[in-house]
Amino acid sequence: MSETPSVQKKMIRIKYVRSGICAIEKHKRVLRGLGLRRLNQVVERVDTEAVRGMVKTIPYLVRILD
């Protein structure tokens, strides 16, 4: 039984910068899907196409850090 070396996954830091109160309902669900709940909150997610697509959907609400 061989052990596989732990591969570090690339992470992306996302900051919630603008209120989603007036955003359409689909965009509010994307915010929740990313785990963003409070303004100025920063979350780290694995850098995948799905996460990048979610961020691309709501560029006026979030910023990518680093």
PDB file of N, CA and C in Angstrom:
ATOM      1  N   MET A   1       0.844  -1.175   0.000  1.00  0.00           N
ATOM      2  CA  MET A   1       0.000   0.000   0.000  1.00  0.00           C
ATOM      3  C   MET A   1       0.897   1.248   0.000  1.00  0.00           C
ATOM      4  N   SER A   2       0.832   2.013  -1.044  1.00  0.00           N
ATOM      5  CA  SER A   2       1.682   3.193  -1.136  1.00  0.00           C
ATOM      6  C   SER A   2       0.884   4.448  -0.792  1.00  0.00           C
ATOM      7  N   GLU A   3       1.576   5.359  -0.177  1.00  0.00           N
ATOM      8  CA  GLU A   3       0.929   6.616   0.184  1.00  0.00           C
ATOM      9  C   GLU A   3       1.194   7.645  -0.904  1.00  0.00           C
ATOM     10  N   THR A   4       0.166   8.382  -1.254  1.00  0.00           N
ATOM     11  CA  THR A   4       0.351   9.438  -2.247  1.00  0.00           C
ATOM     12  C   THR A   4       0.779  10.707  -1.529  1.00  0.00           C
ATOM     13  N   PRO A   5       1.722  11.433  -2.098  1.00  0.00           N
ATOM     14  CA  PRO A   5       2.140  12.679  -1.447  1.00  0.00           C
ATOM     15  C   PRO A   5       1.004  13.691  -1.461  1.00  0.00           C
ATOM     16  N   SER A   6       0.913  14.453  -0.391  1.00  0.00           N
ATOM     17  CA  SER A   6      -0.156  15.451  -0.330  1.00  0.00           C
ATOM     18  C   SER A   6       0.158  16.577  -1.302  1.00  0.00           C
ATOM     19  N   VAL A   7      -0.762  16.780  -2.202  1.00  0.00           N
ATOM     20  CA  VAL A   7      -0.607  17.823  -3.210  1.00  0.00           C
ATOM     21  C   VAL A   7      -1.356  19.055  -2.723  1.00  0.00           C
ATOM     22  N   GLN A   8      -0.656  20.178  -2.671  1.00  0.00           N
ATOM     23  CA  GLN A   8      -1.307  21.398  -2.221  1.00  0.00           C
ATOM     24  C   GLN A   8      -2.170  21.946  -3.337  1.00  0.00           C
ATOM     25  N   LYS A   9      -3.422  22.184  -3.011  1.00  0.00           N
ATOM     26  CA  LYS A   9      -4.345  22.731  -3.992  1.00  0.00           C
ATOM     27  C   LYS A   9      -4.241  24.245  -3.986  1.00  0.00           C
ATOM     28  N   LYS A  10      -4.326  24.826  -5.159  1.00  0.00           N
ATOM     29  CA  LYS A  10      -4.256  26.274  -5.273  1.00  0.00           C
ATOM     30  C   LYS A  10      -5.536  26.873  -4.700  1.00  0.00           C
ATOM     31  N   MET A  11      -5.357  27.890  -3.867  1.00  0.00           N
ATOM     32  CA  MET A  11      -6.499  28.528  -3.210  1.00  0.00           C
ATOM     33  C   MET A  11      -6.712  29.920  -3.784  1.00  0.00           C
ATOM     34  N   ILE A  12      -7.945  30.386  -3.677  1.00  0.00           N
ATOM     35  CA  ILE A  12      -8.303  31.724  -4.123  1.00  0.00           C
ATOM     36  C   ILE A  12      -8.988  32.429  -2.957  1.00  0.00           C
ATOM     37  N   ARG A  13      -8.613  33.680  -2.687  1.00  0.00           N
ATOM     38  CA  ARG A  13      -9.221  34.461  -1.611  1.00  0.00           C
ATOM     39  C   ARG A  13     -10.229  35.424  -2.225  1.00  0.00           C
ATOM     40  N   ILE A  14     -11.448  35.403  -1.699  1.00  0.00           N
ATOM     41  CA  ILE A  14     -12.539  36.214  -2.235  1.00  0.00           C
ATOM     42  C   ILE A  14     -13.062  37.113  -1.125  1.00  0.00           C
ATOM     43  N   LYS A  15     -13.229  38.406  -1.420  1.00  0.00           N
ATOM     44  CA  LYS A  15     -13.732  39.358  -0.437  1.00  0.00           C
ATOM     45  C   LYS A  15     -15.078  39.903  -0.896  1.00  0.00           C
ATOM     46  N   TYR A  16     -16.025  39.937   0.023  1.00  0.00           N
ATOM     47  CA  TYR A  16     -17.365  40.453  -0.214  1.00  0.00           C
ATOM     48  C   TYR A  16     -17.314  41.966  -0.002  1.00  0.00           C
ATOM     49  N   VAL A  17     -17.440  42.772  -1.082  1.00  0.00           N
ATOM     50  CA  VAL A  17     -17.194  44.207  -0.981  1.00  0.00           C
ATOM     51  C   VAL A  17     -18.419  45.093  -1.159  1.00  0.00           C
ATOM     52  N   ARG A  18     -19.508  44.560  -1.677  1.00  0.00           N
ATOM     53  CA  ARG A  18     -20.690  45.395  -1.891  1.00  0.00           C
ATOM     54  C   ARG A  18     -21.937  44.612  -1.510  1.00  0.00           C
ATOM     55  N   SER A  19     -22.878  45.295  -0.899  1.00  0.00           N
ATOM     56  CA  SER A  19     -24.077  44.643  -0.406  1.00  0.00           C
ATOM     57  C   SER A  19     -24.883  44.010  -1.529  1.00  0.00           C
ATOM     58  N   GLY A  20     -25.431  42.845  -1.251  1.00  0.00           N
ATOM     59  CA  GLY A  20     -26.248  42.134  -2.225  1.00  0.00           C
ATOM     60  C   GLY A  20     -27.733  42.341  -2.029  1.00  0.00           C
ATOM     61  N   ILE A  21     -28.113  43.344  -1.250  1.00  0.00           N
ATOM     62  CA  ILE A  21     -29.521  43.569  -0.952  1.00  0.00           C
ATOM     63  C   ILE A  21     -30.345  43.789  -2.226  1.00  0.00           C
ATOM     64  N   CYS A  22     -29.866  44.604  -3.133  1.00  0.00           N
ATOM     65  CA  CYS A  22     -30.615  44.910  -4.355  1.00  0.00           C
ATOM     66  C   CYS A  22     -30.235  43.993  -5.514  1.00  0.00           C
ATOM     67  N   ALA A  23     -29.388  43.016  -5.269  1.00  0.00           N
ATOM     68  CA  ALA A  23     -28.988  42.090  -6.329  1.00  0.00           C
ATOM     69  C   ALA A  23     -30.147  41.148  -6.646  1.00  0.00           C
ATOM     70  N   ILE A  24     -30.111  40.594  -7.852  1.00  0.00           N
ATOM     71  CA  ILE A  24     -31.161  39.642  -8.204  1.00  0.00           C
ATOM     72  C   ILE A  24     -30.987  38.359  -7.377  1.00  0.00           C
ATOM     73  N   GLU A  25     -32.055  37.618  -7.242  1.00  0.00           N
ATOM     74  CA  GLU A  25     -32.082  36.462  -6.347  1.00  0.00           C
ATOM     75  C   GLU A  25     -31.011  35.421  -6.694  1.00  0.00           C
ATOM     76  N   LYS A  26     -30.762  35.216  -7.963  1.00  0.00           N
ATOM     77  CA  LYS A  26     -29.744  34.243  -8.377  1.00  0.00           C
ATOM     78  C   LYS A  26     -28.363  34.650  -7.873  1.00  0.00           C
ATOM     79  N   HIS A  27     -28.063  35.928  -7.903  1.00  0.00           N
ATOM     80  CA  HIS A  27     -26.768  36.417  -7.428  1.00  0.00           C
ATOM     81  C   HIS A  27     -26.649  36.282  -5.912  1.00  0.00           C
ATOM     82  N   LYS A  28     -27.751  36.461  -5.208  1.00  0.00           N
ATOM     83  CA  LYS A  28     -27.744  36.261  -3.751  1.00  0.00           C
ATOM     84  C   LYS A  28     -27.434  34.804  -3.421  1.00  0.00           C
ATOM     85  N   ARG A  29     -27.973  33.876  -4.234  1.00  0.00           N
ATOM     86  CA  ARG A  29     -27.708  32.457  -4.011  1.00  0.00           C
ATOM     87  C   ARG A  29     -26.251  32.110  -4.308  1.00  0.00           C
ATOM     88  N   VAL A  30     -25.657  32.790  -5.283  1.00  0.00           N
ATOM     89  CA  VAL A  30     -24.241  32.571  -5.580  1.00  0.00           C
ATOM     90  C   VAL A  30     -23.383  33.035  -4.405  1.00  0.00           C
ATOM     91  N   LEU A  31     -23.732  34.179  -3.804  1.00  0.00           N
ATOM     92  CA  LEU A  31     -23.012  34.668  -2.619  1.00  0.00           C
ATOM     93  C   LEU A  31     -23.042  33.627  -1.512  1.00  0.00           C
ATOM     94  N   ARG A  32     -24.215  33.090  -1.243  1.00  0.00           N
ATOM     95  CA  ARG A  32     -24.353  32.076  -0.192  1.00  0.00           C
ATOM     96  C   ARG A  32     -23.574  30.817  -0.551  1.00  0.00           C
ATOM     97  N   GLY A  33     -23.578  30.462  -1.820  1.00  0.00           N
ATOM     98  CA  GLY A  33     -22.849  29.287  -2.274  1.00  0.00           C
ATOM     99  C   GLY A  33     -21.350  29.414  -2.068  1.00  0.00           C
ATOM    100  N   LEU A  34     -20.848  30.638  -2.174  1.00  0.00           N
ATOM    101  CA  LEU A  34     -19.432  30.884  -1.922  1.00  0.00           C
ATOM    102  C   LEU A  34     -19.124  30.964  -0.436  1.00  0.00           C
ATOM    103  N   GLY A  35     -20.173  31.020   0.394  1.00  0.00           N
ATOM    104  CA  GLY A  35     -19.971  31.093   1.844  1.00  0.00           C
ATOM    105  C   GLY A  35     -19.844  32.511   2.356  1.00  0.00           C
ATOM    106  N   LEU A  36     -20.256  33.479   1.557  1.00  0.00           N
ATOM    107  CA  LEU A  36     -20.164  34.881   1.967  1.00  0.00           C
ATOM    108  C   LEU A  36     -21.471  35.318   2.612  1.00  0.00           C
ATOM    109  N   ARG A  37     -21.371  35.834   3.831  1.00  0.00           N
ATOM    110  CA  ARG A  37     -22.565  36.245   4.566  1.00  0.00           C
ATOM    111  C   ARG A  37     -22.490  37.688   5.045  1.00  0.00           C
ATOM    112  N   ARG A  38     -21.296  38.155   5.412  1.00  0.00           N
ATOM    113  CA  ARG A  38     -21.147  39.518   5.952  1.00  0.00           C
ATOM    114  C   ARG A  38     -20.278  40.358   5.034  1.00  0.00           C
ATOM    115  N   LEU A  39     -20.586  41.630   4.942  1.00  0.00           N
ATOM    116  CA  LEU A  39     -19.804  42.561   4.151  1.00  0.00           C
ATOM    117  C   LEU A  39     -18.368  42.600   4.658  1.00  0.00           C
ATOM    118  N   ASN A  40     -17.417  42.707   3.769  1.00  0.00           N
ATOM    119  CA  ASN A  40     -15.975  42.707   4.040  1.00  0.00           C
ATOM    120  C   ASN A  40     -15.448  41.367   4.540  1.00  0.00           C
ATOM    121  N   GLN A  41     -16.231  40.328   4.448  1.00  0.00           N
ATOM    122  CA  GLN A  41     -15.782  38.993   4.832  1.00  0.00           C
ATOM    123  C   GLN A  41     -14.866  38.441   3.743  1.00  0.00           C
ATOM    124  N   VAL A  42     -13.821  37.737   4.136  1.00  0.00           N
ATOM    125  CA  VAL A  42     -12.893  37.104   3.195  1.00  0.00           C
ATOM    126  C   VAL A  42     -12.960  35.595   3.403  1.00  0.00           C
ATOM    127  N   VAL A  43     -13.131  34.851   2.299  1.00  0.00           N
ATOM    128  CA  VAL A  43     -13.147  33.396   2.365  1.00  0.00           C
ATOM    129  C   VAL A  43     -12.092  32.846   1.412  1.00  0.00           C
ATOM    130  N   GLU A  44     -11.590  31.664   1.715  1.00  0.00           N
ATOM    131  CA  GLU A  44     -10.645  30.971   0.834  1.00  0.00           C
ATOM    132  C   GLU A  44     -11.348  29.756   0.264  1.00  0.00           C
ATOM    133  N   ARG A  45     -11.288  29.626  -1.031  1.00  0.00           N
ATOM    134  CA  ARG A  45     -11.880  28.489  -1.724  1.00  0.00           C
ATOM    135  C   ARG A  45     -10.834  27.873  -2.642  1.00  0.00           C
ATOM    136  N   VAL A  46     -11.002  26.600  -2.947  1.00  0.00           N
ATOM    137  CA  VAL A  46     -10.107  25.940  -3.889  1.00  0.00           C
ATOM    138  C   VAL A  46     -10.341  26.558  -5.266  1.00  0.00           C
ATOM    139  N   ASP A  47      -9.268  26.873  -5.963  1.00  0.00           N
ATOM    140  CA  ASP A  47      -9.349  27.548  -7.255  1.00  0.00           C
ATOM    141  C   ASP A  47      -9.747  26.552  -8.336  1.00  0.00           C
ATOM    142  N   THR A  48     -11.050  26.429  -8.565  1.00  0.00           N
ATOM    143  CA  THR A  48     -11.582  25.545  -9.597  1.00  0.00           C
ATOM    144  C   THR A  48     -12.370  26.366 -10.599  1.00  0.00           C
ATOM    145  N   GLU A  49     -12.722  25.739 -11.698  1.00  0.00           N
ATOM    146  CA  GLU A  49     -13.520  26.430 -12.712  1.00  0.00           C
ATOM    147  C   GLU A  49     -14.889  26.819 -12.161  1.00  0.00           C
ATOM    148  N   ALA A  50     -15.453  25.990 -11.312  1.00  0.00           N
ATOM    149  CA  ALA A  50     -16.768  26.274 -10.749  1.00  0.00           C
ATOM    150  C   ALA A  50     -16.738  27.533  -9.888  1.00  0.00           C
ATOM    151  N   VAL A  51     -15.724  27.643  -9.036  1.00  0.00           N
ATOM    152  CA  VAL A  51     -15.604  28.817  -8.169  1.00  0.00           C
ATOM    153  C   VAL A  51     -15.325  30.058  -9.012  1.00  0.00           C
ATOM    154  N   ARG A  52     -14.439  29.929  -9.995  1.00  0.00           N
ATOM    155  CA  ARG A  52     -14.149  31.067 -10.882  1.00  0.00           C
ATOM    156  C   ARG A  52     -15.409  31.524 -11.609  1.00  0.00           C
ATOM    157  N   GLY A  53     -16.250  30.583 -12.022  1.00  0.00           N
ATOM    158  CA  GLY A  53     -17.503  30.921 -12.694  1.00  0.00           C
ATOM    159  C   GLY A  53     -18.457  31.653 -11.775  1.00  0.00           C
ATOM    160  N   MET A  54     -18.496  31.232 -10.513  1.00  0.00           N
ATOM    161  CA  MET A  54     -19.366  31.903  -9.549  1.00  0.00           C
ATOM    162  C   MET A  54     -18.907  33.345  -9.327  1.00  0.00           C
ATOM    163  N   VAL A  55     -17.591  33.535  -9.211  1.00  0.00           N
ATOM    164  CA  VAL A  55     -17.052  34.881  -9.020  1.00  0.00           C
ATOM    165  C   VAL A  55     -17.317  35.734 -10.258  1.00  0.00           C
ATOM    166  N   LYS A  56     -17.208  35.129 -11.420  1.00  0.00           N
ATOM    167  CA  LYS A  56     -17.442  35.857 -12.673  1.00  0.00           C
ATOM    168  C   LYS A  56     -18.902  36.297 -12.800  1.00  0.00           C
ATOM    169  N   THR A  57     -19.805  35.568 -12.164  1.00  0.00           N
ATOM    170  CA  THR A  57     -21.225  35.908 -12.199  1.00  0.00           C
ATOM    171  C   THR A  57     -21.527  37.168 -11.404  1.00  0.00           C
ATOM    172  N   ILE A  58     -20.763  37.412 -10.328  1.00  0.00           N
ATOM    173  CA  ILE A  58     -21.053  38.547  -9.439  1.00  0.00           C
ATOM    174  C   ILE A  58     -19.840  39.458  -9.247  1.00  0.00           C
ATOM    175  N   PRO A  59     -19.236  39.951 -10.323  1.00  0.00           N
ATOM    176  CA  PRO A  59     -18.022  40.759 -10.162  1.00  0.00           C
ATOM    177  C   PRO A  59     -18.258  42.094  -9.468  1.00  0.00           C
ATOM    178  N   TYR A  60     -19.490  42.577  -9.481  1.00  0.00           N
ATOM    179  CA  TYR A  60     -19.797  43.855  -8.845  1.00  0.00           C
ATOM    180  C   TYR A  60     -19.996  43.724  -7.334  1.00  0.00           C
ATOM    181  N   LEU A  61     -20.010  42.491  -6.818  1.00  0.00           N
ATOM    182  CA  LEU A  61     -20.209  42.264  -5.387  1.00  0.00           C
ATOM    183  C   LEU A  61     -18.951  41.772  -4.671  1.00  0.00           C
ATOM    184  N   VAL A  62     -18.019  41.172  -5.412  1.00  0.00           N
ATOM    185  CA  VAL A  62     -16.846  40.568  -4.783  1.00  0.00           C
ATOM    186  C   VAL A  62     -15.569  41.000  -5.482  1.00  0.00           C
ATOM    187  N   ARG A  63     -14.436  40.805  -4.792  1.00  0.00           N
ATOM    188  CA  ARG A  63     -13.110  41.048  -5.354  1.00  0.00           C
ATOM    189  C   ARG A  63     -12.240  39.840  -5.058  1.00  0.00           C
ATOM    190  N   ILE A  64     -11.322  39.538  -5.974  1.00  0.00           N
ATOM    191  CA  ILE A  64     -10.338  38.491  -5.741  1.00  0.00           C
ATOM    192  C   ILE A  64      -9.108  39.149  -5.162  1.00  0.00           C
ATOM    193  N   LEU A  65      -8.634  38.651  -4.033  1.00  0.00           N
ATOM    194  CA  LEU A  65      -7.445  39.193  -3.380  1.00  0.00           C
ATOM    195  C   LEU A  65      -6.229  38.392  -3.808  1.00  0.00           C
ATOM    196  N   ASP A  66      -5.062  39.030  -3.794  1.00  0.00           N
ATOM    197  CA  ASP A  66      -3.772  38.413  -4.144  1.00  0.00           C
ATOM    198  C   ASP A  66      -3.684  38.080  -5.576  1.00  0.00           C
TER     199      ASP A  66
END
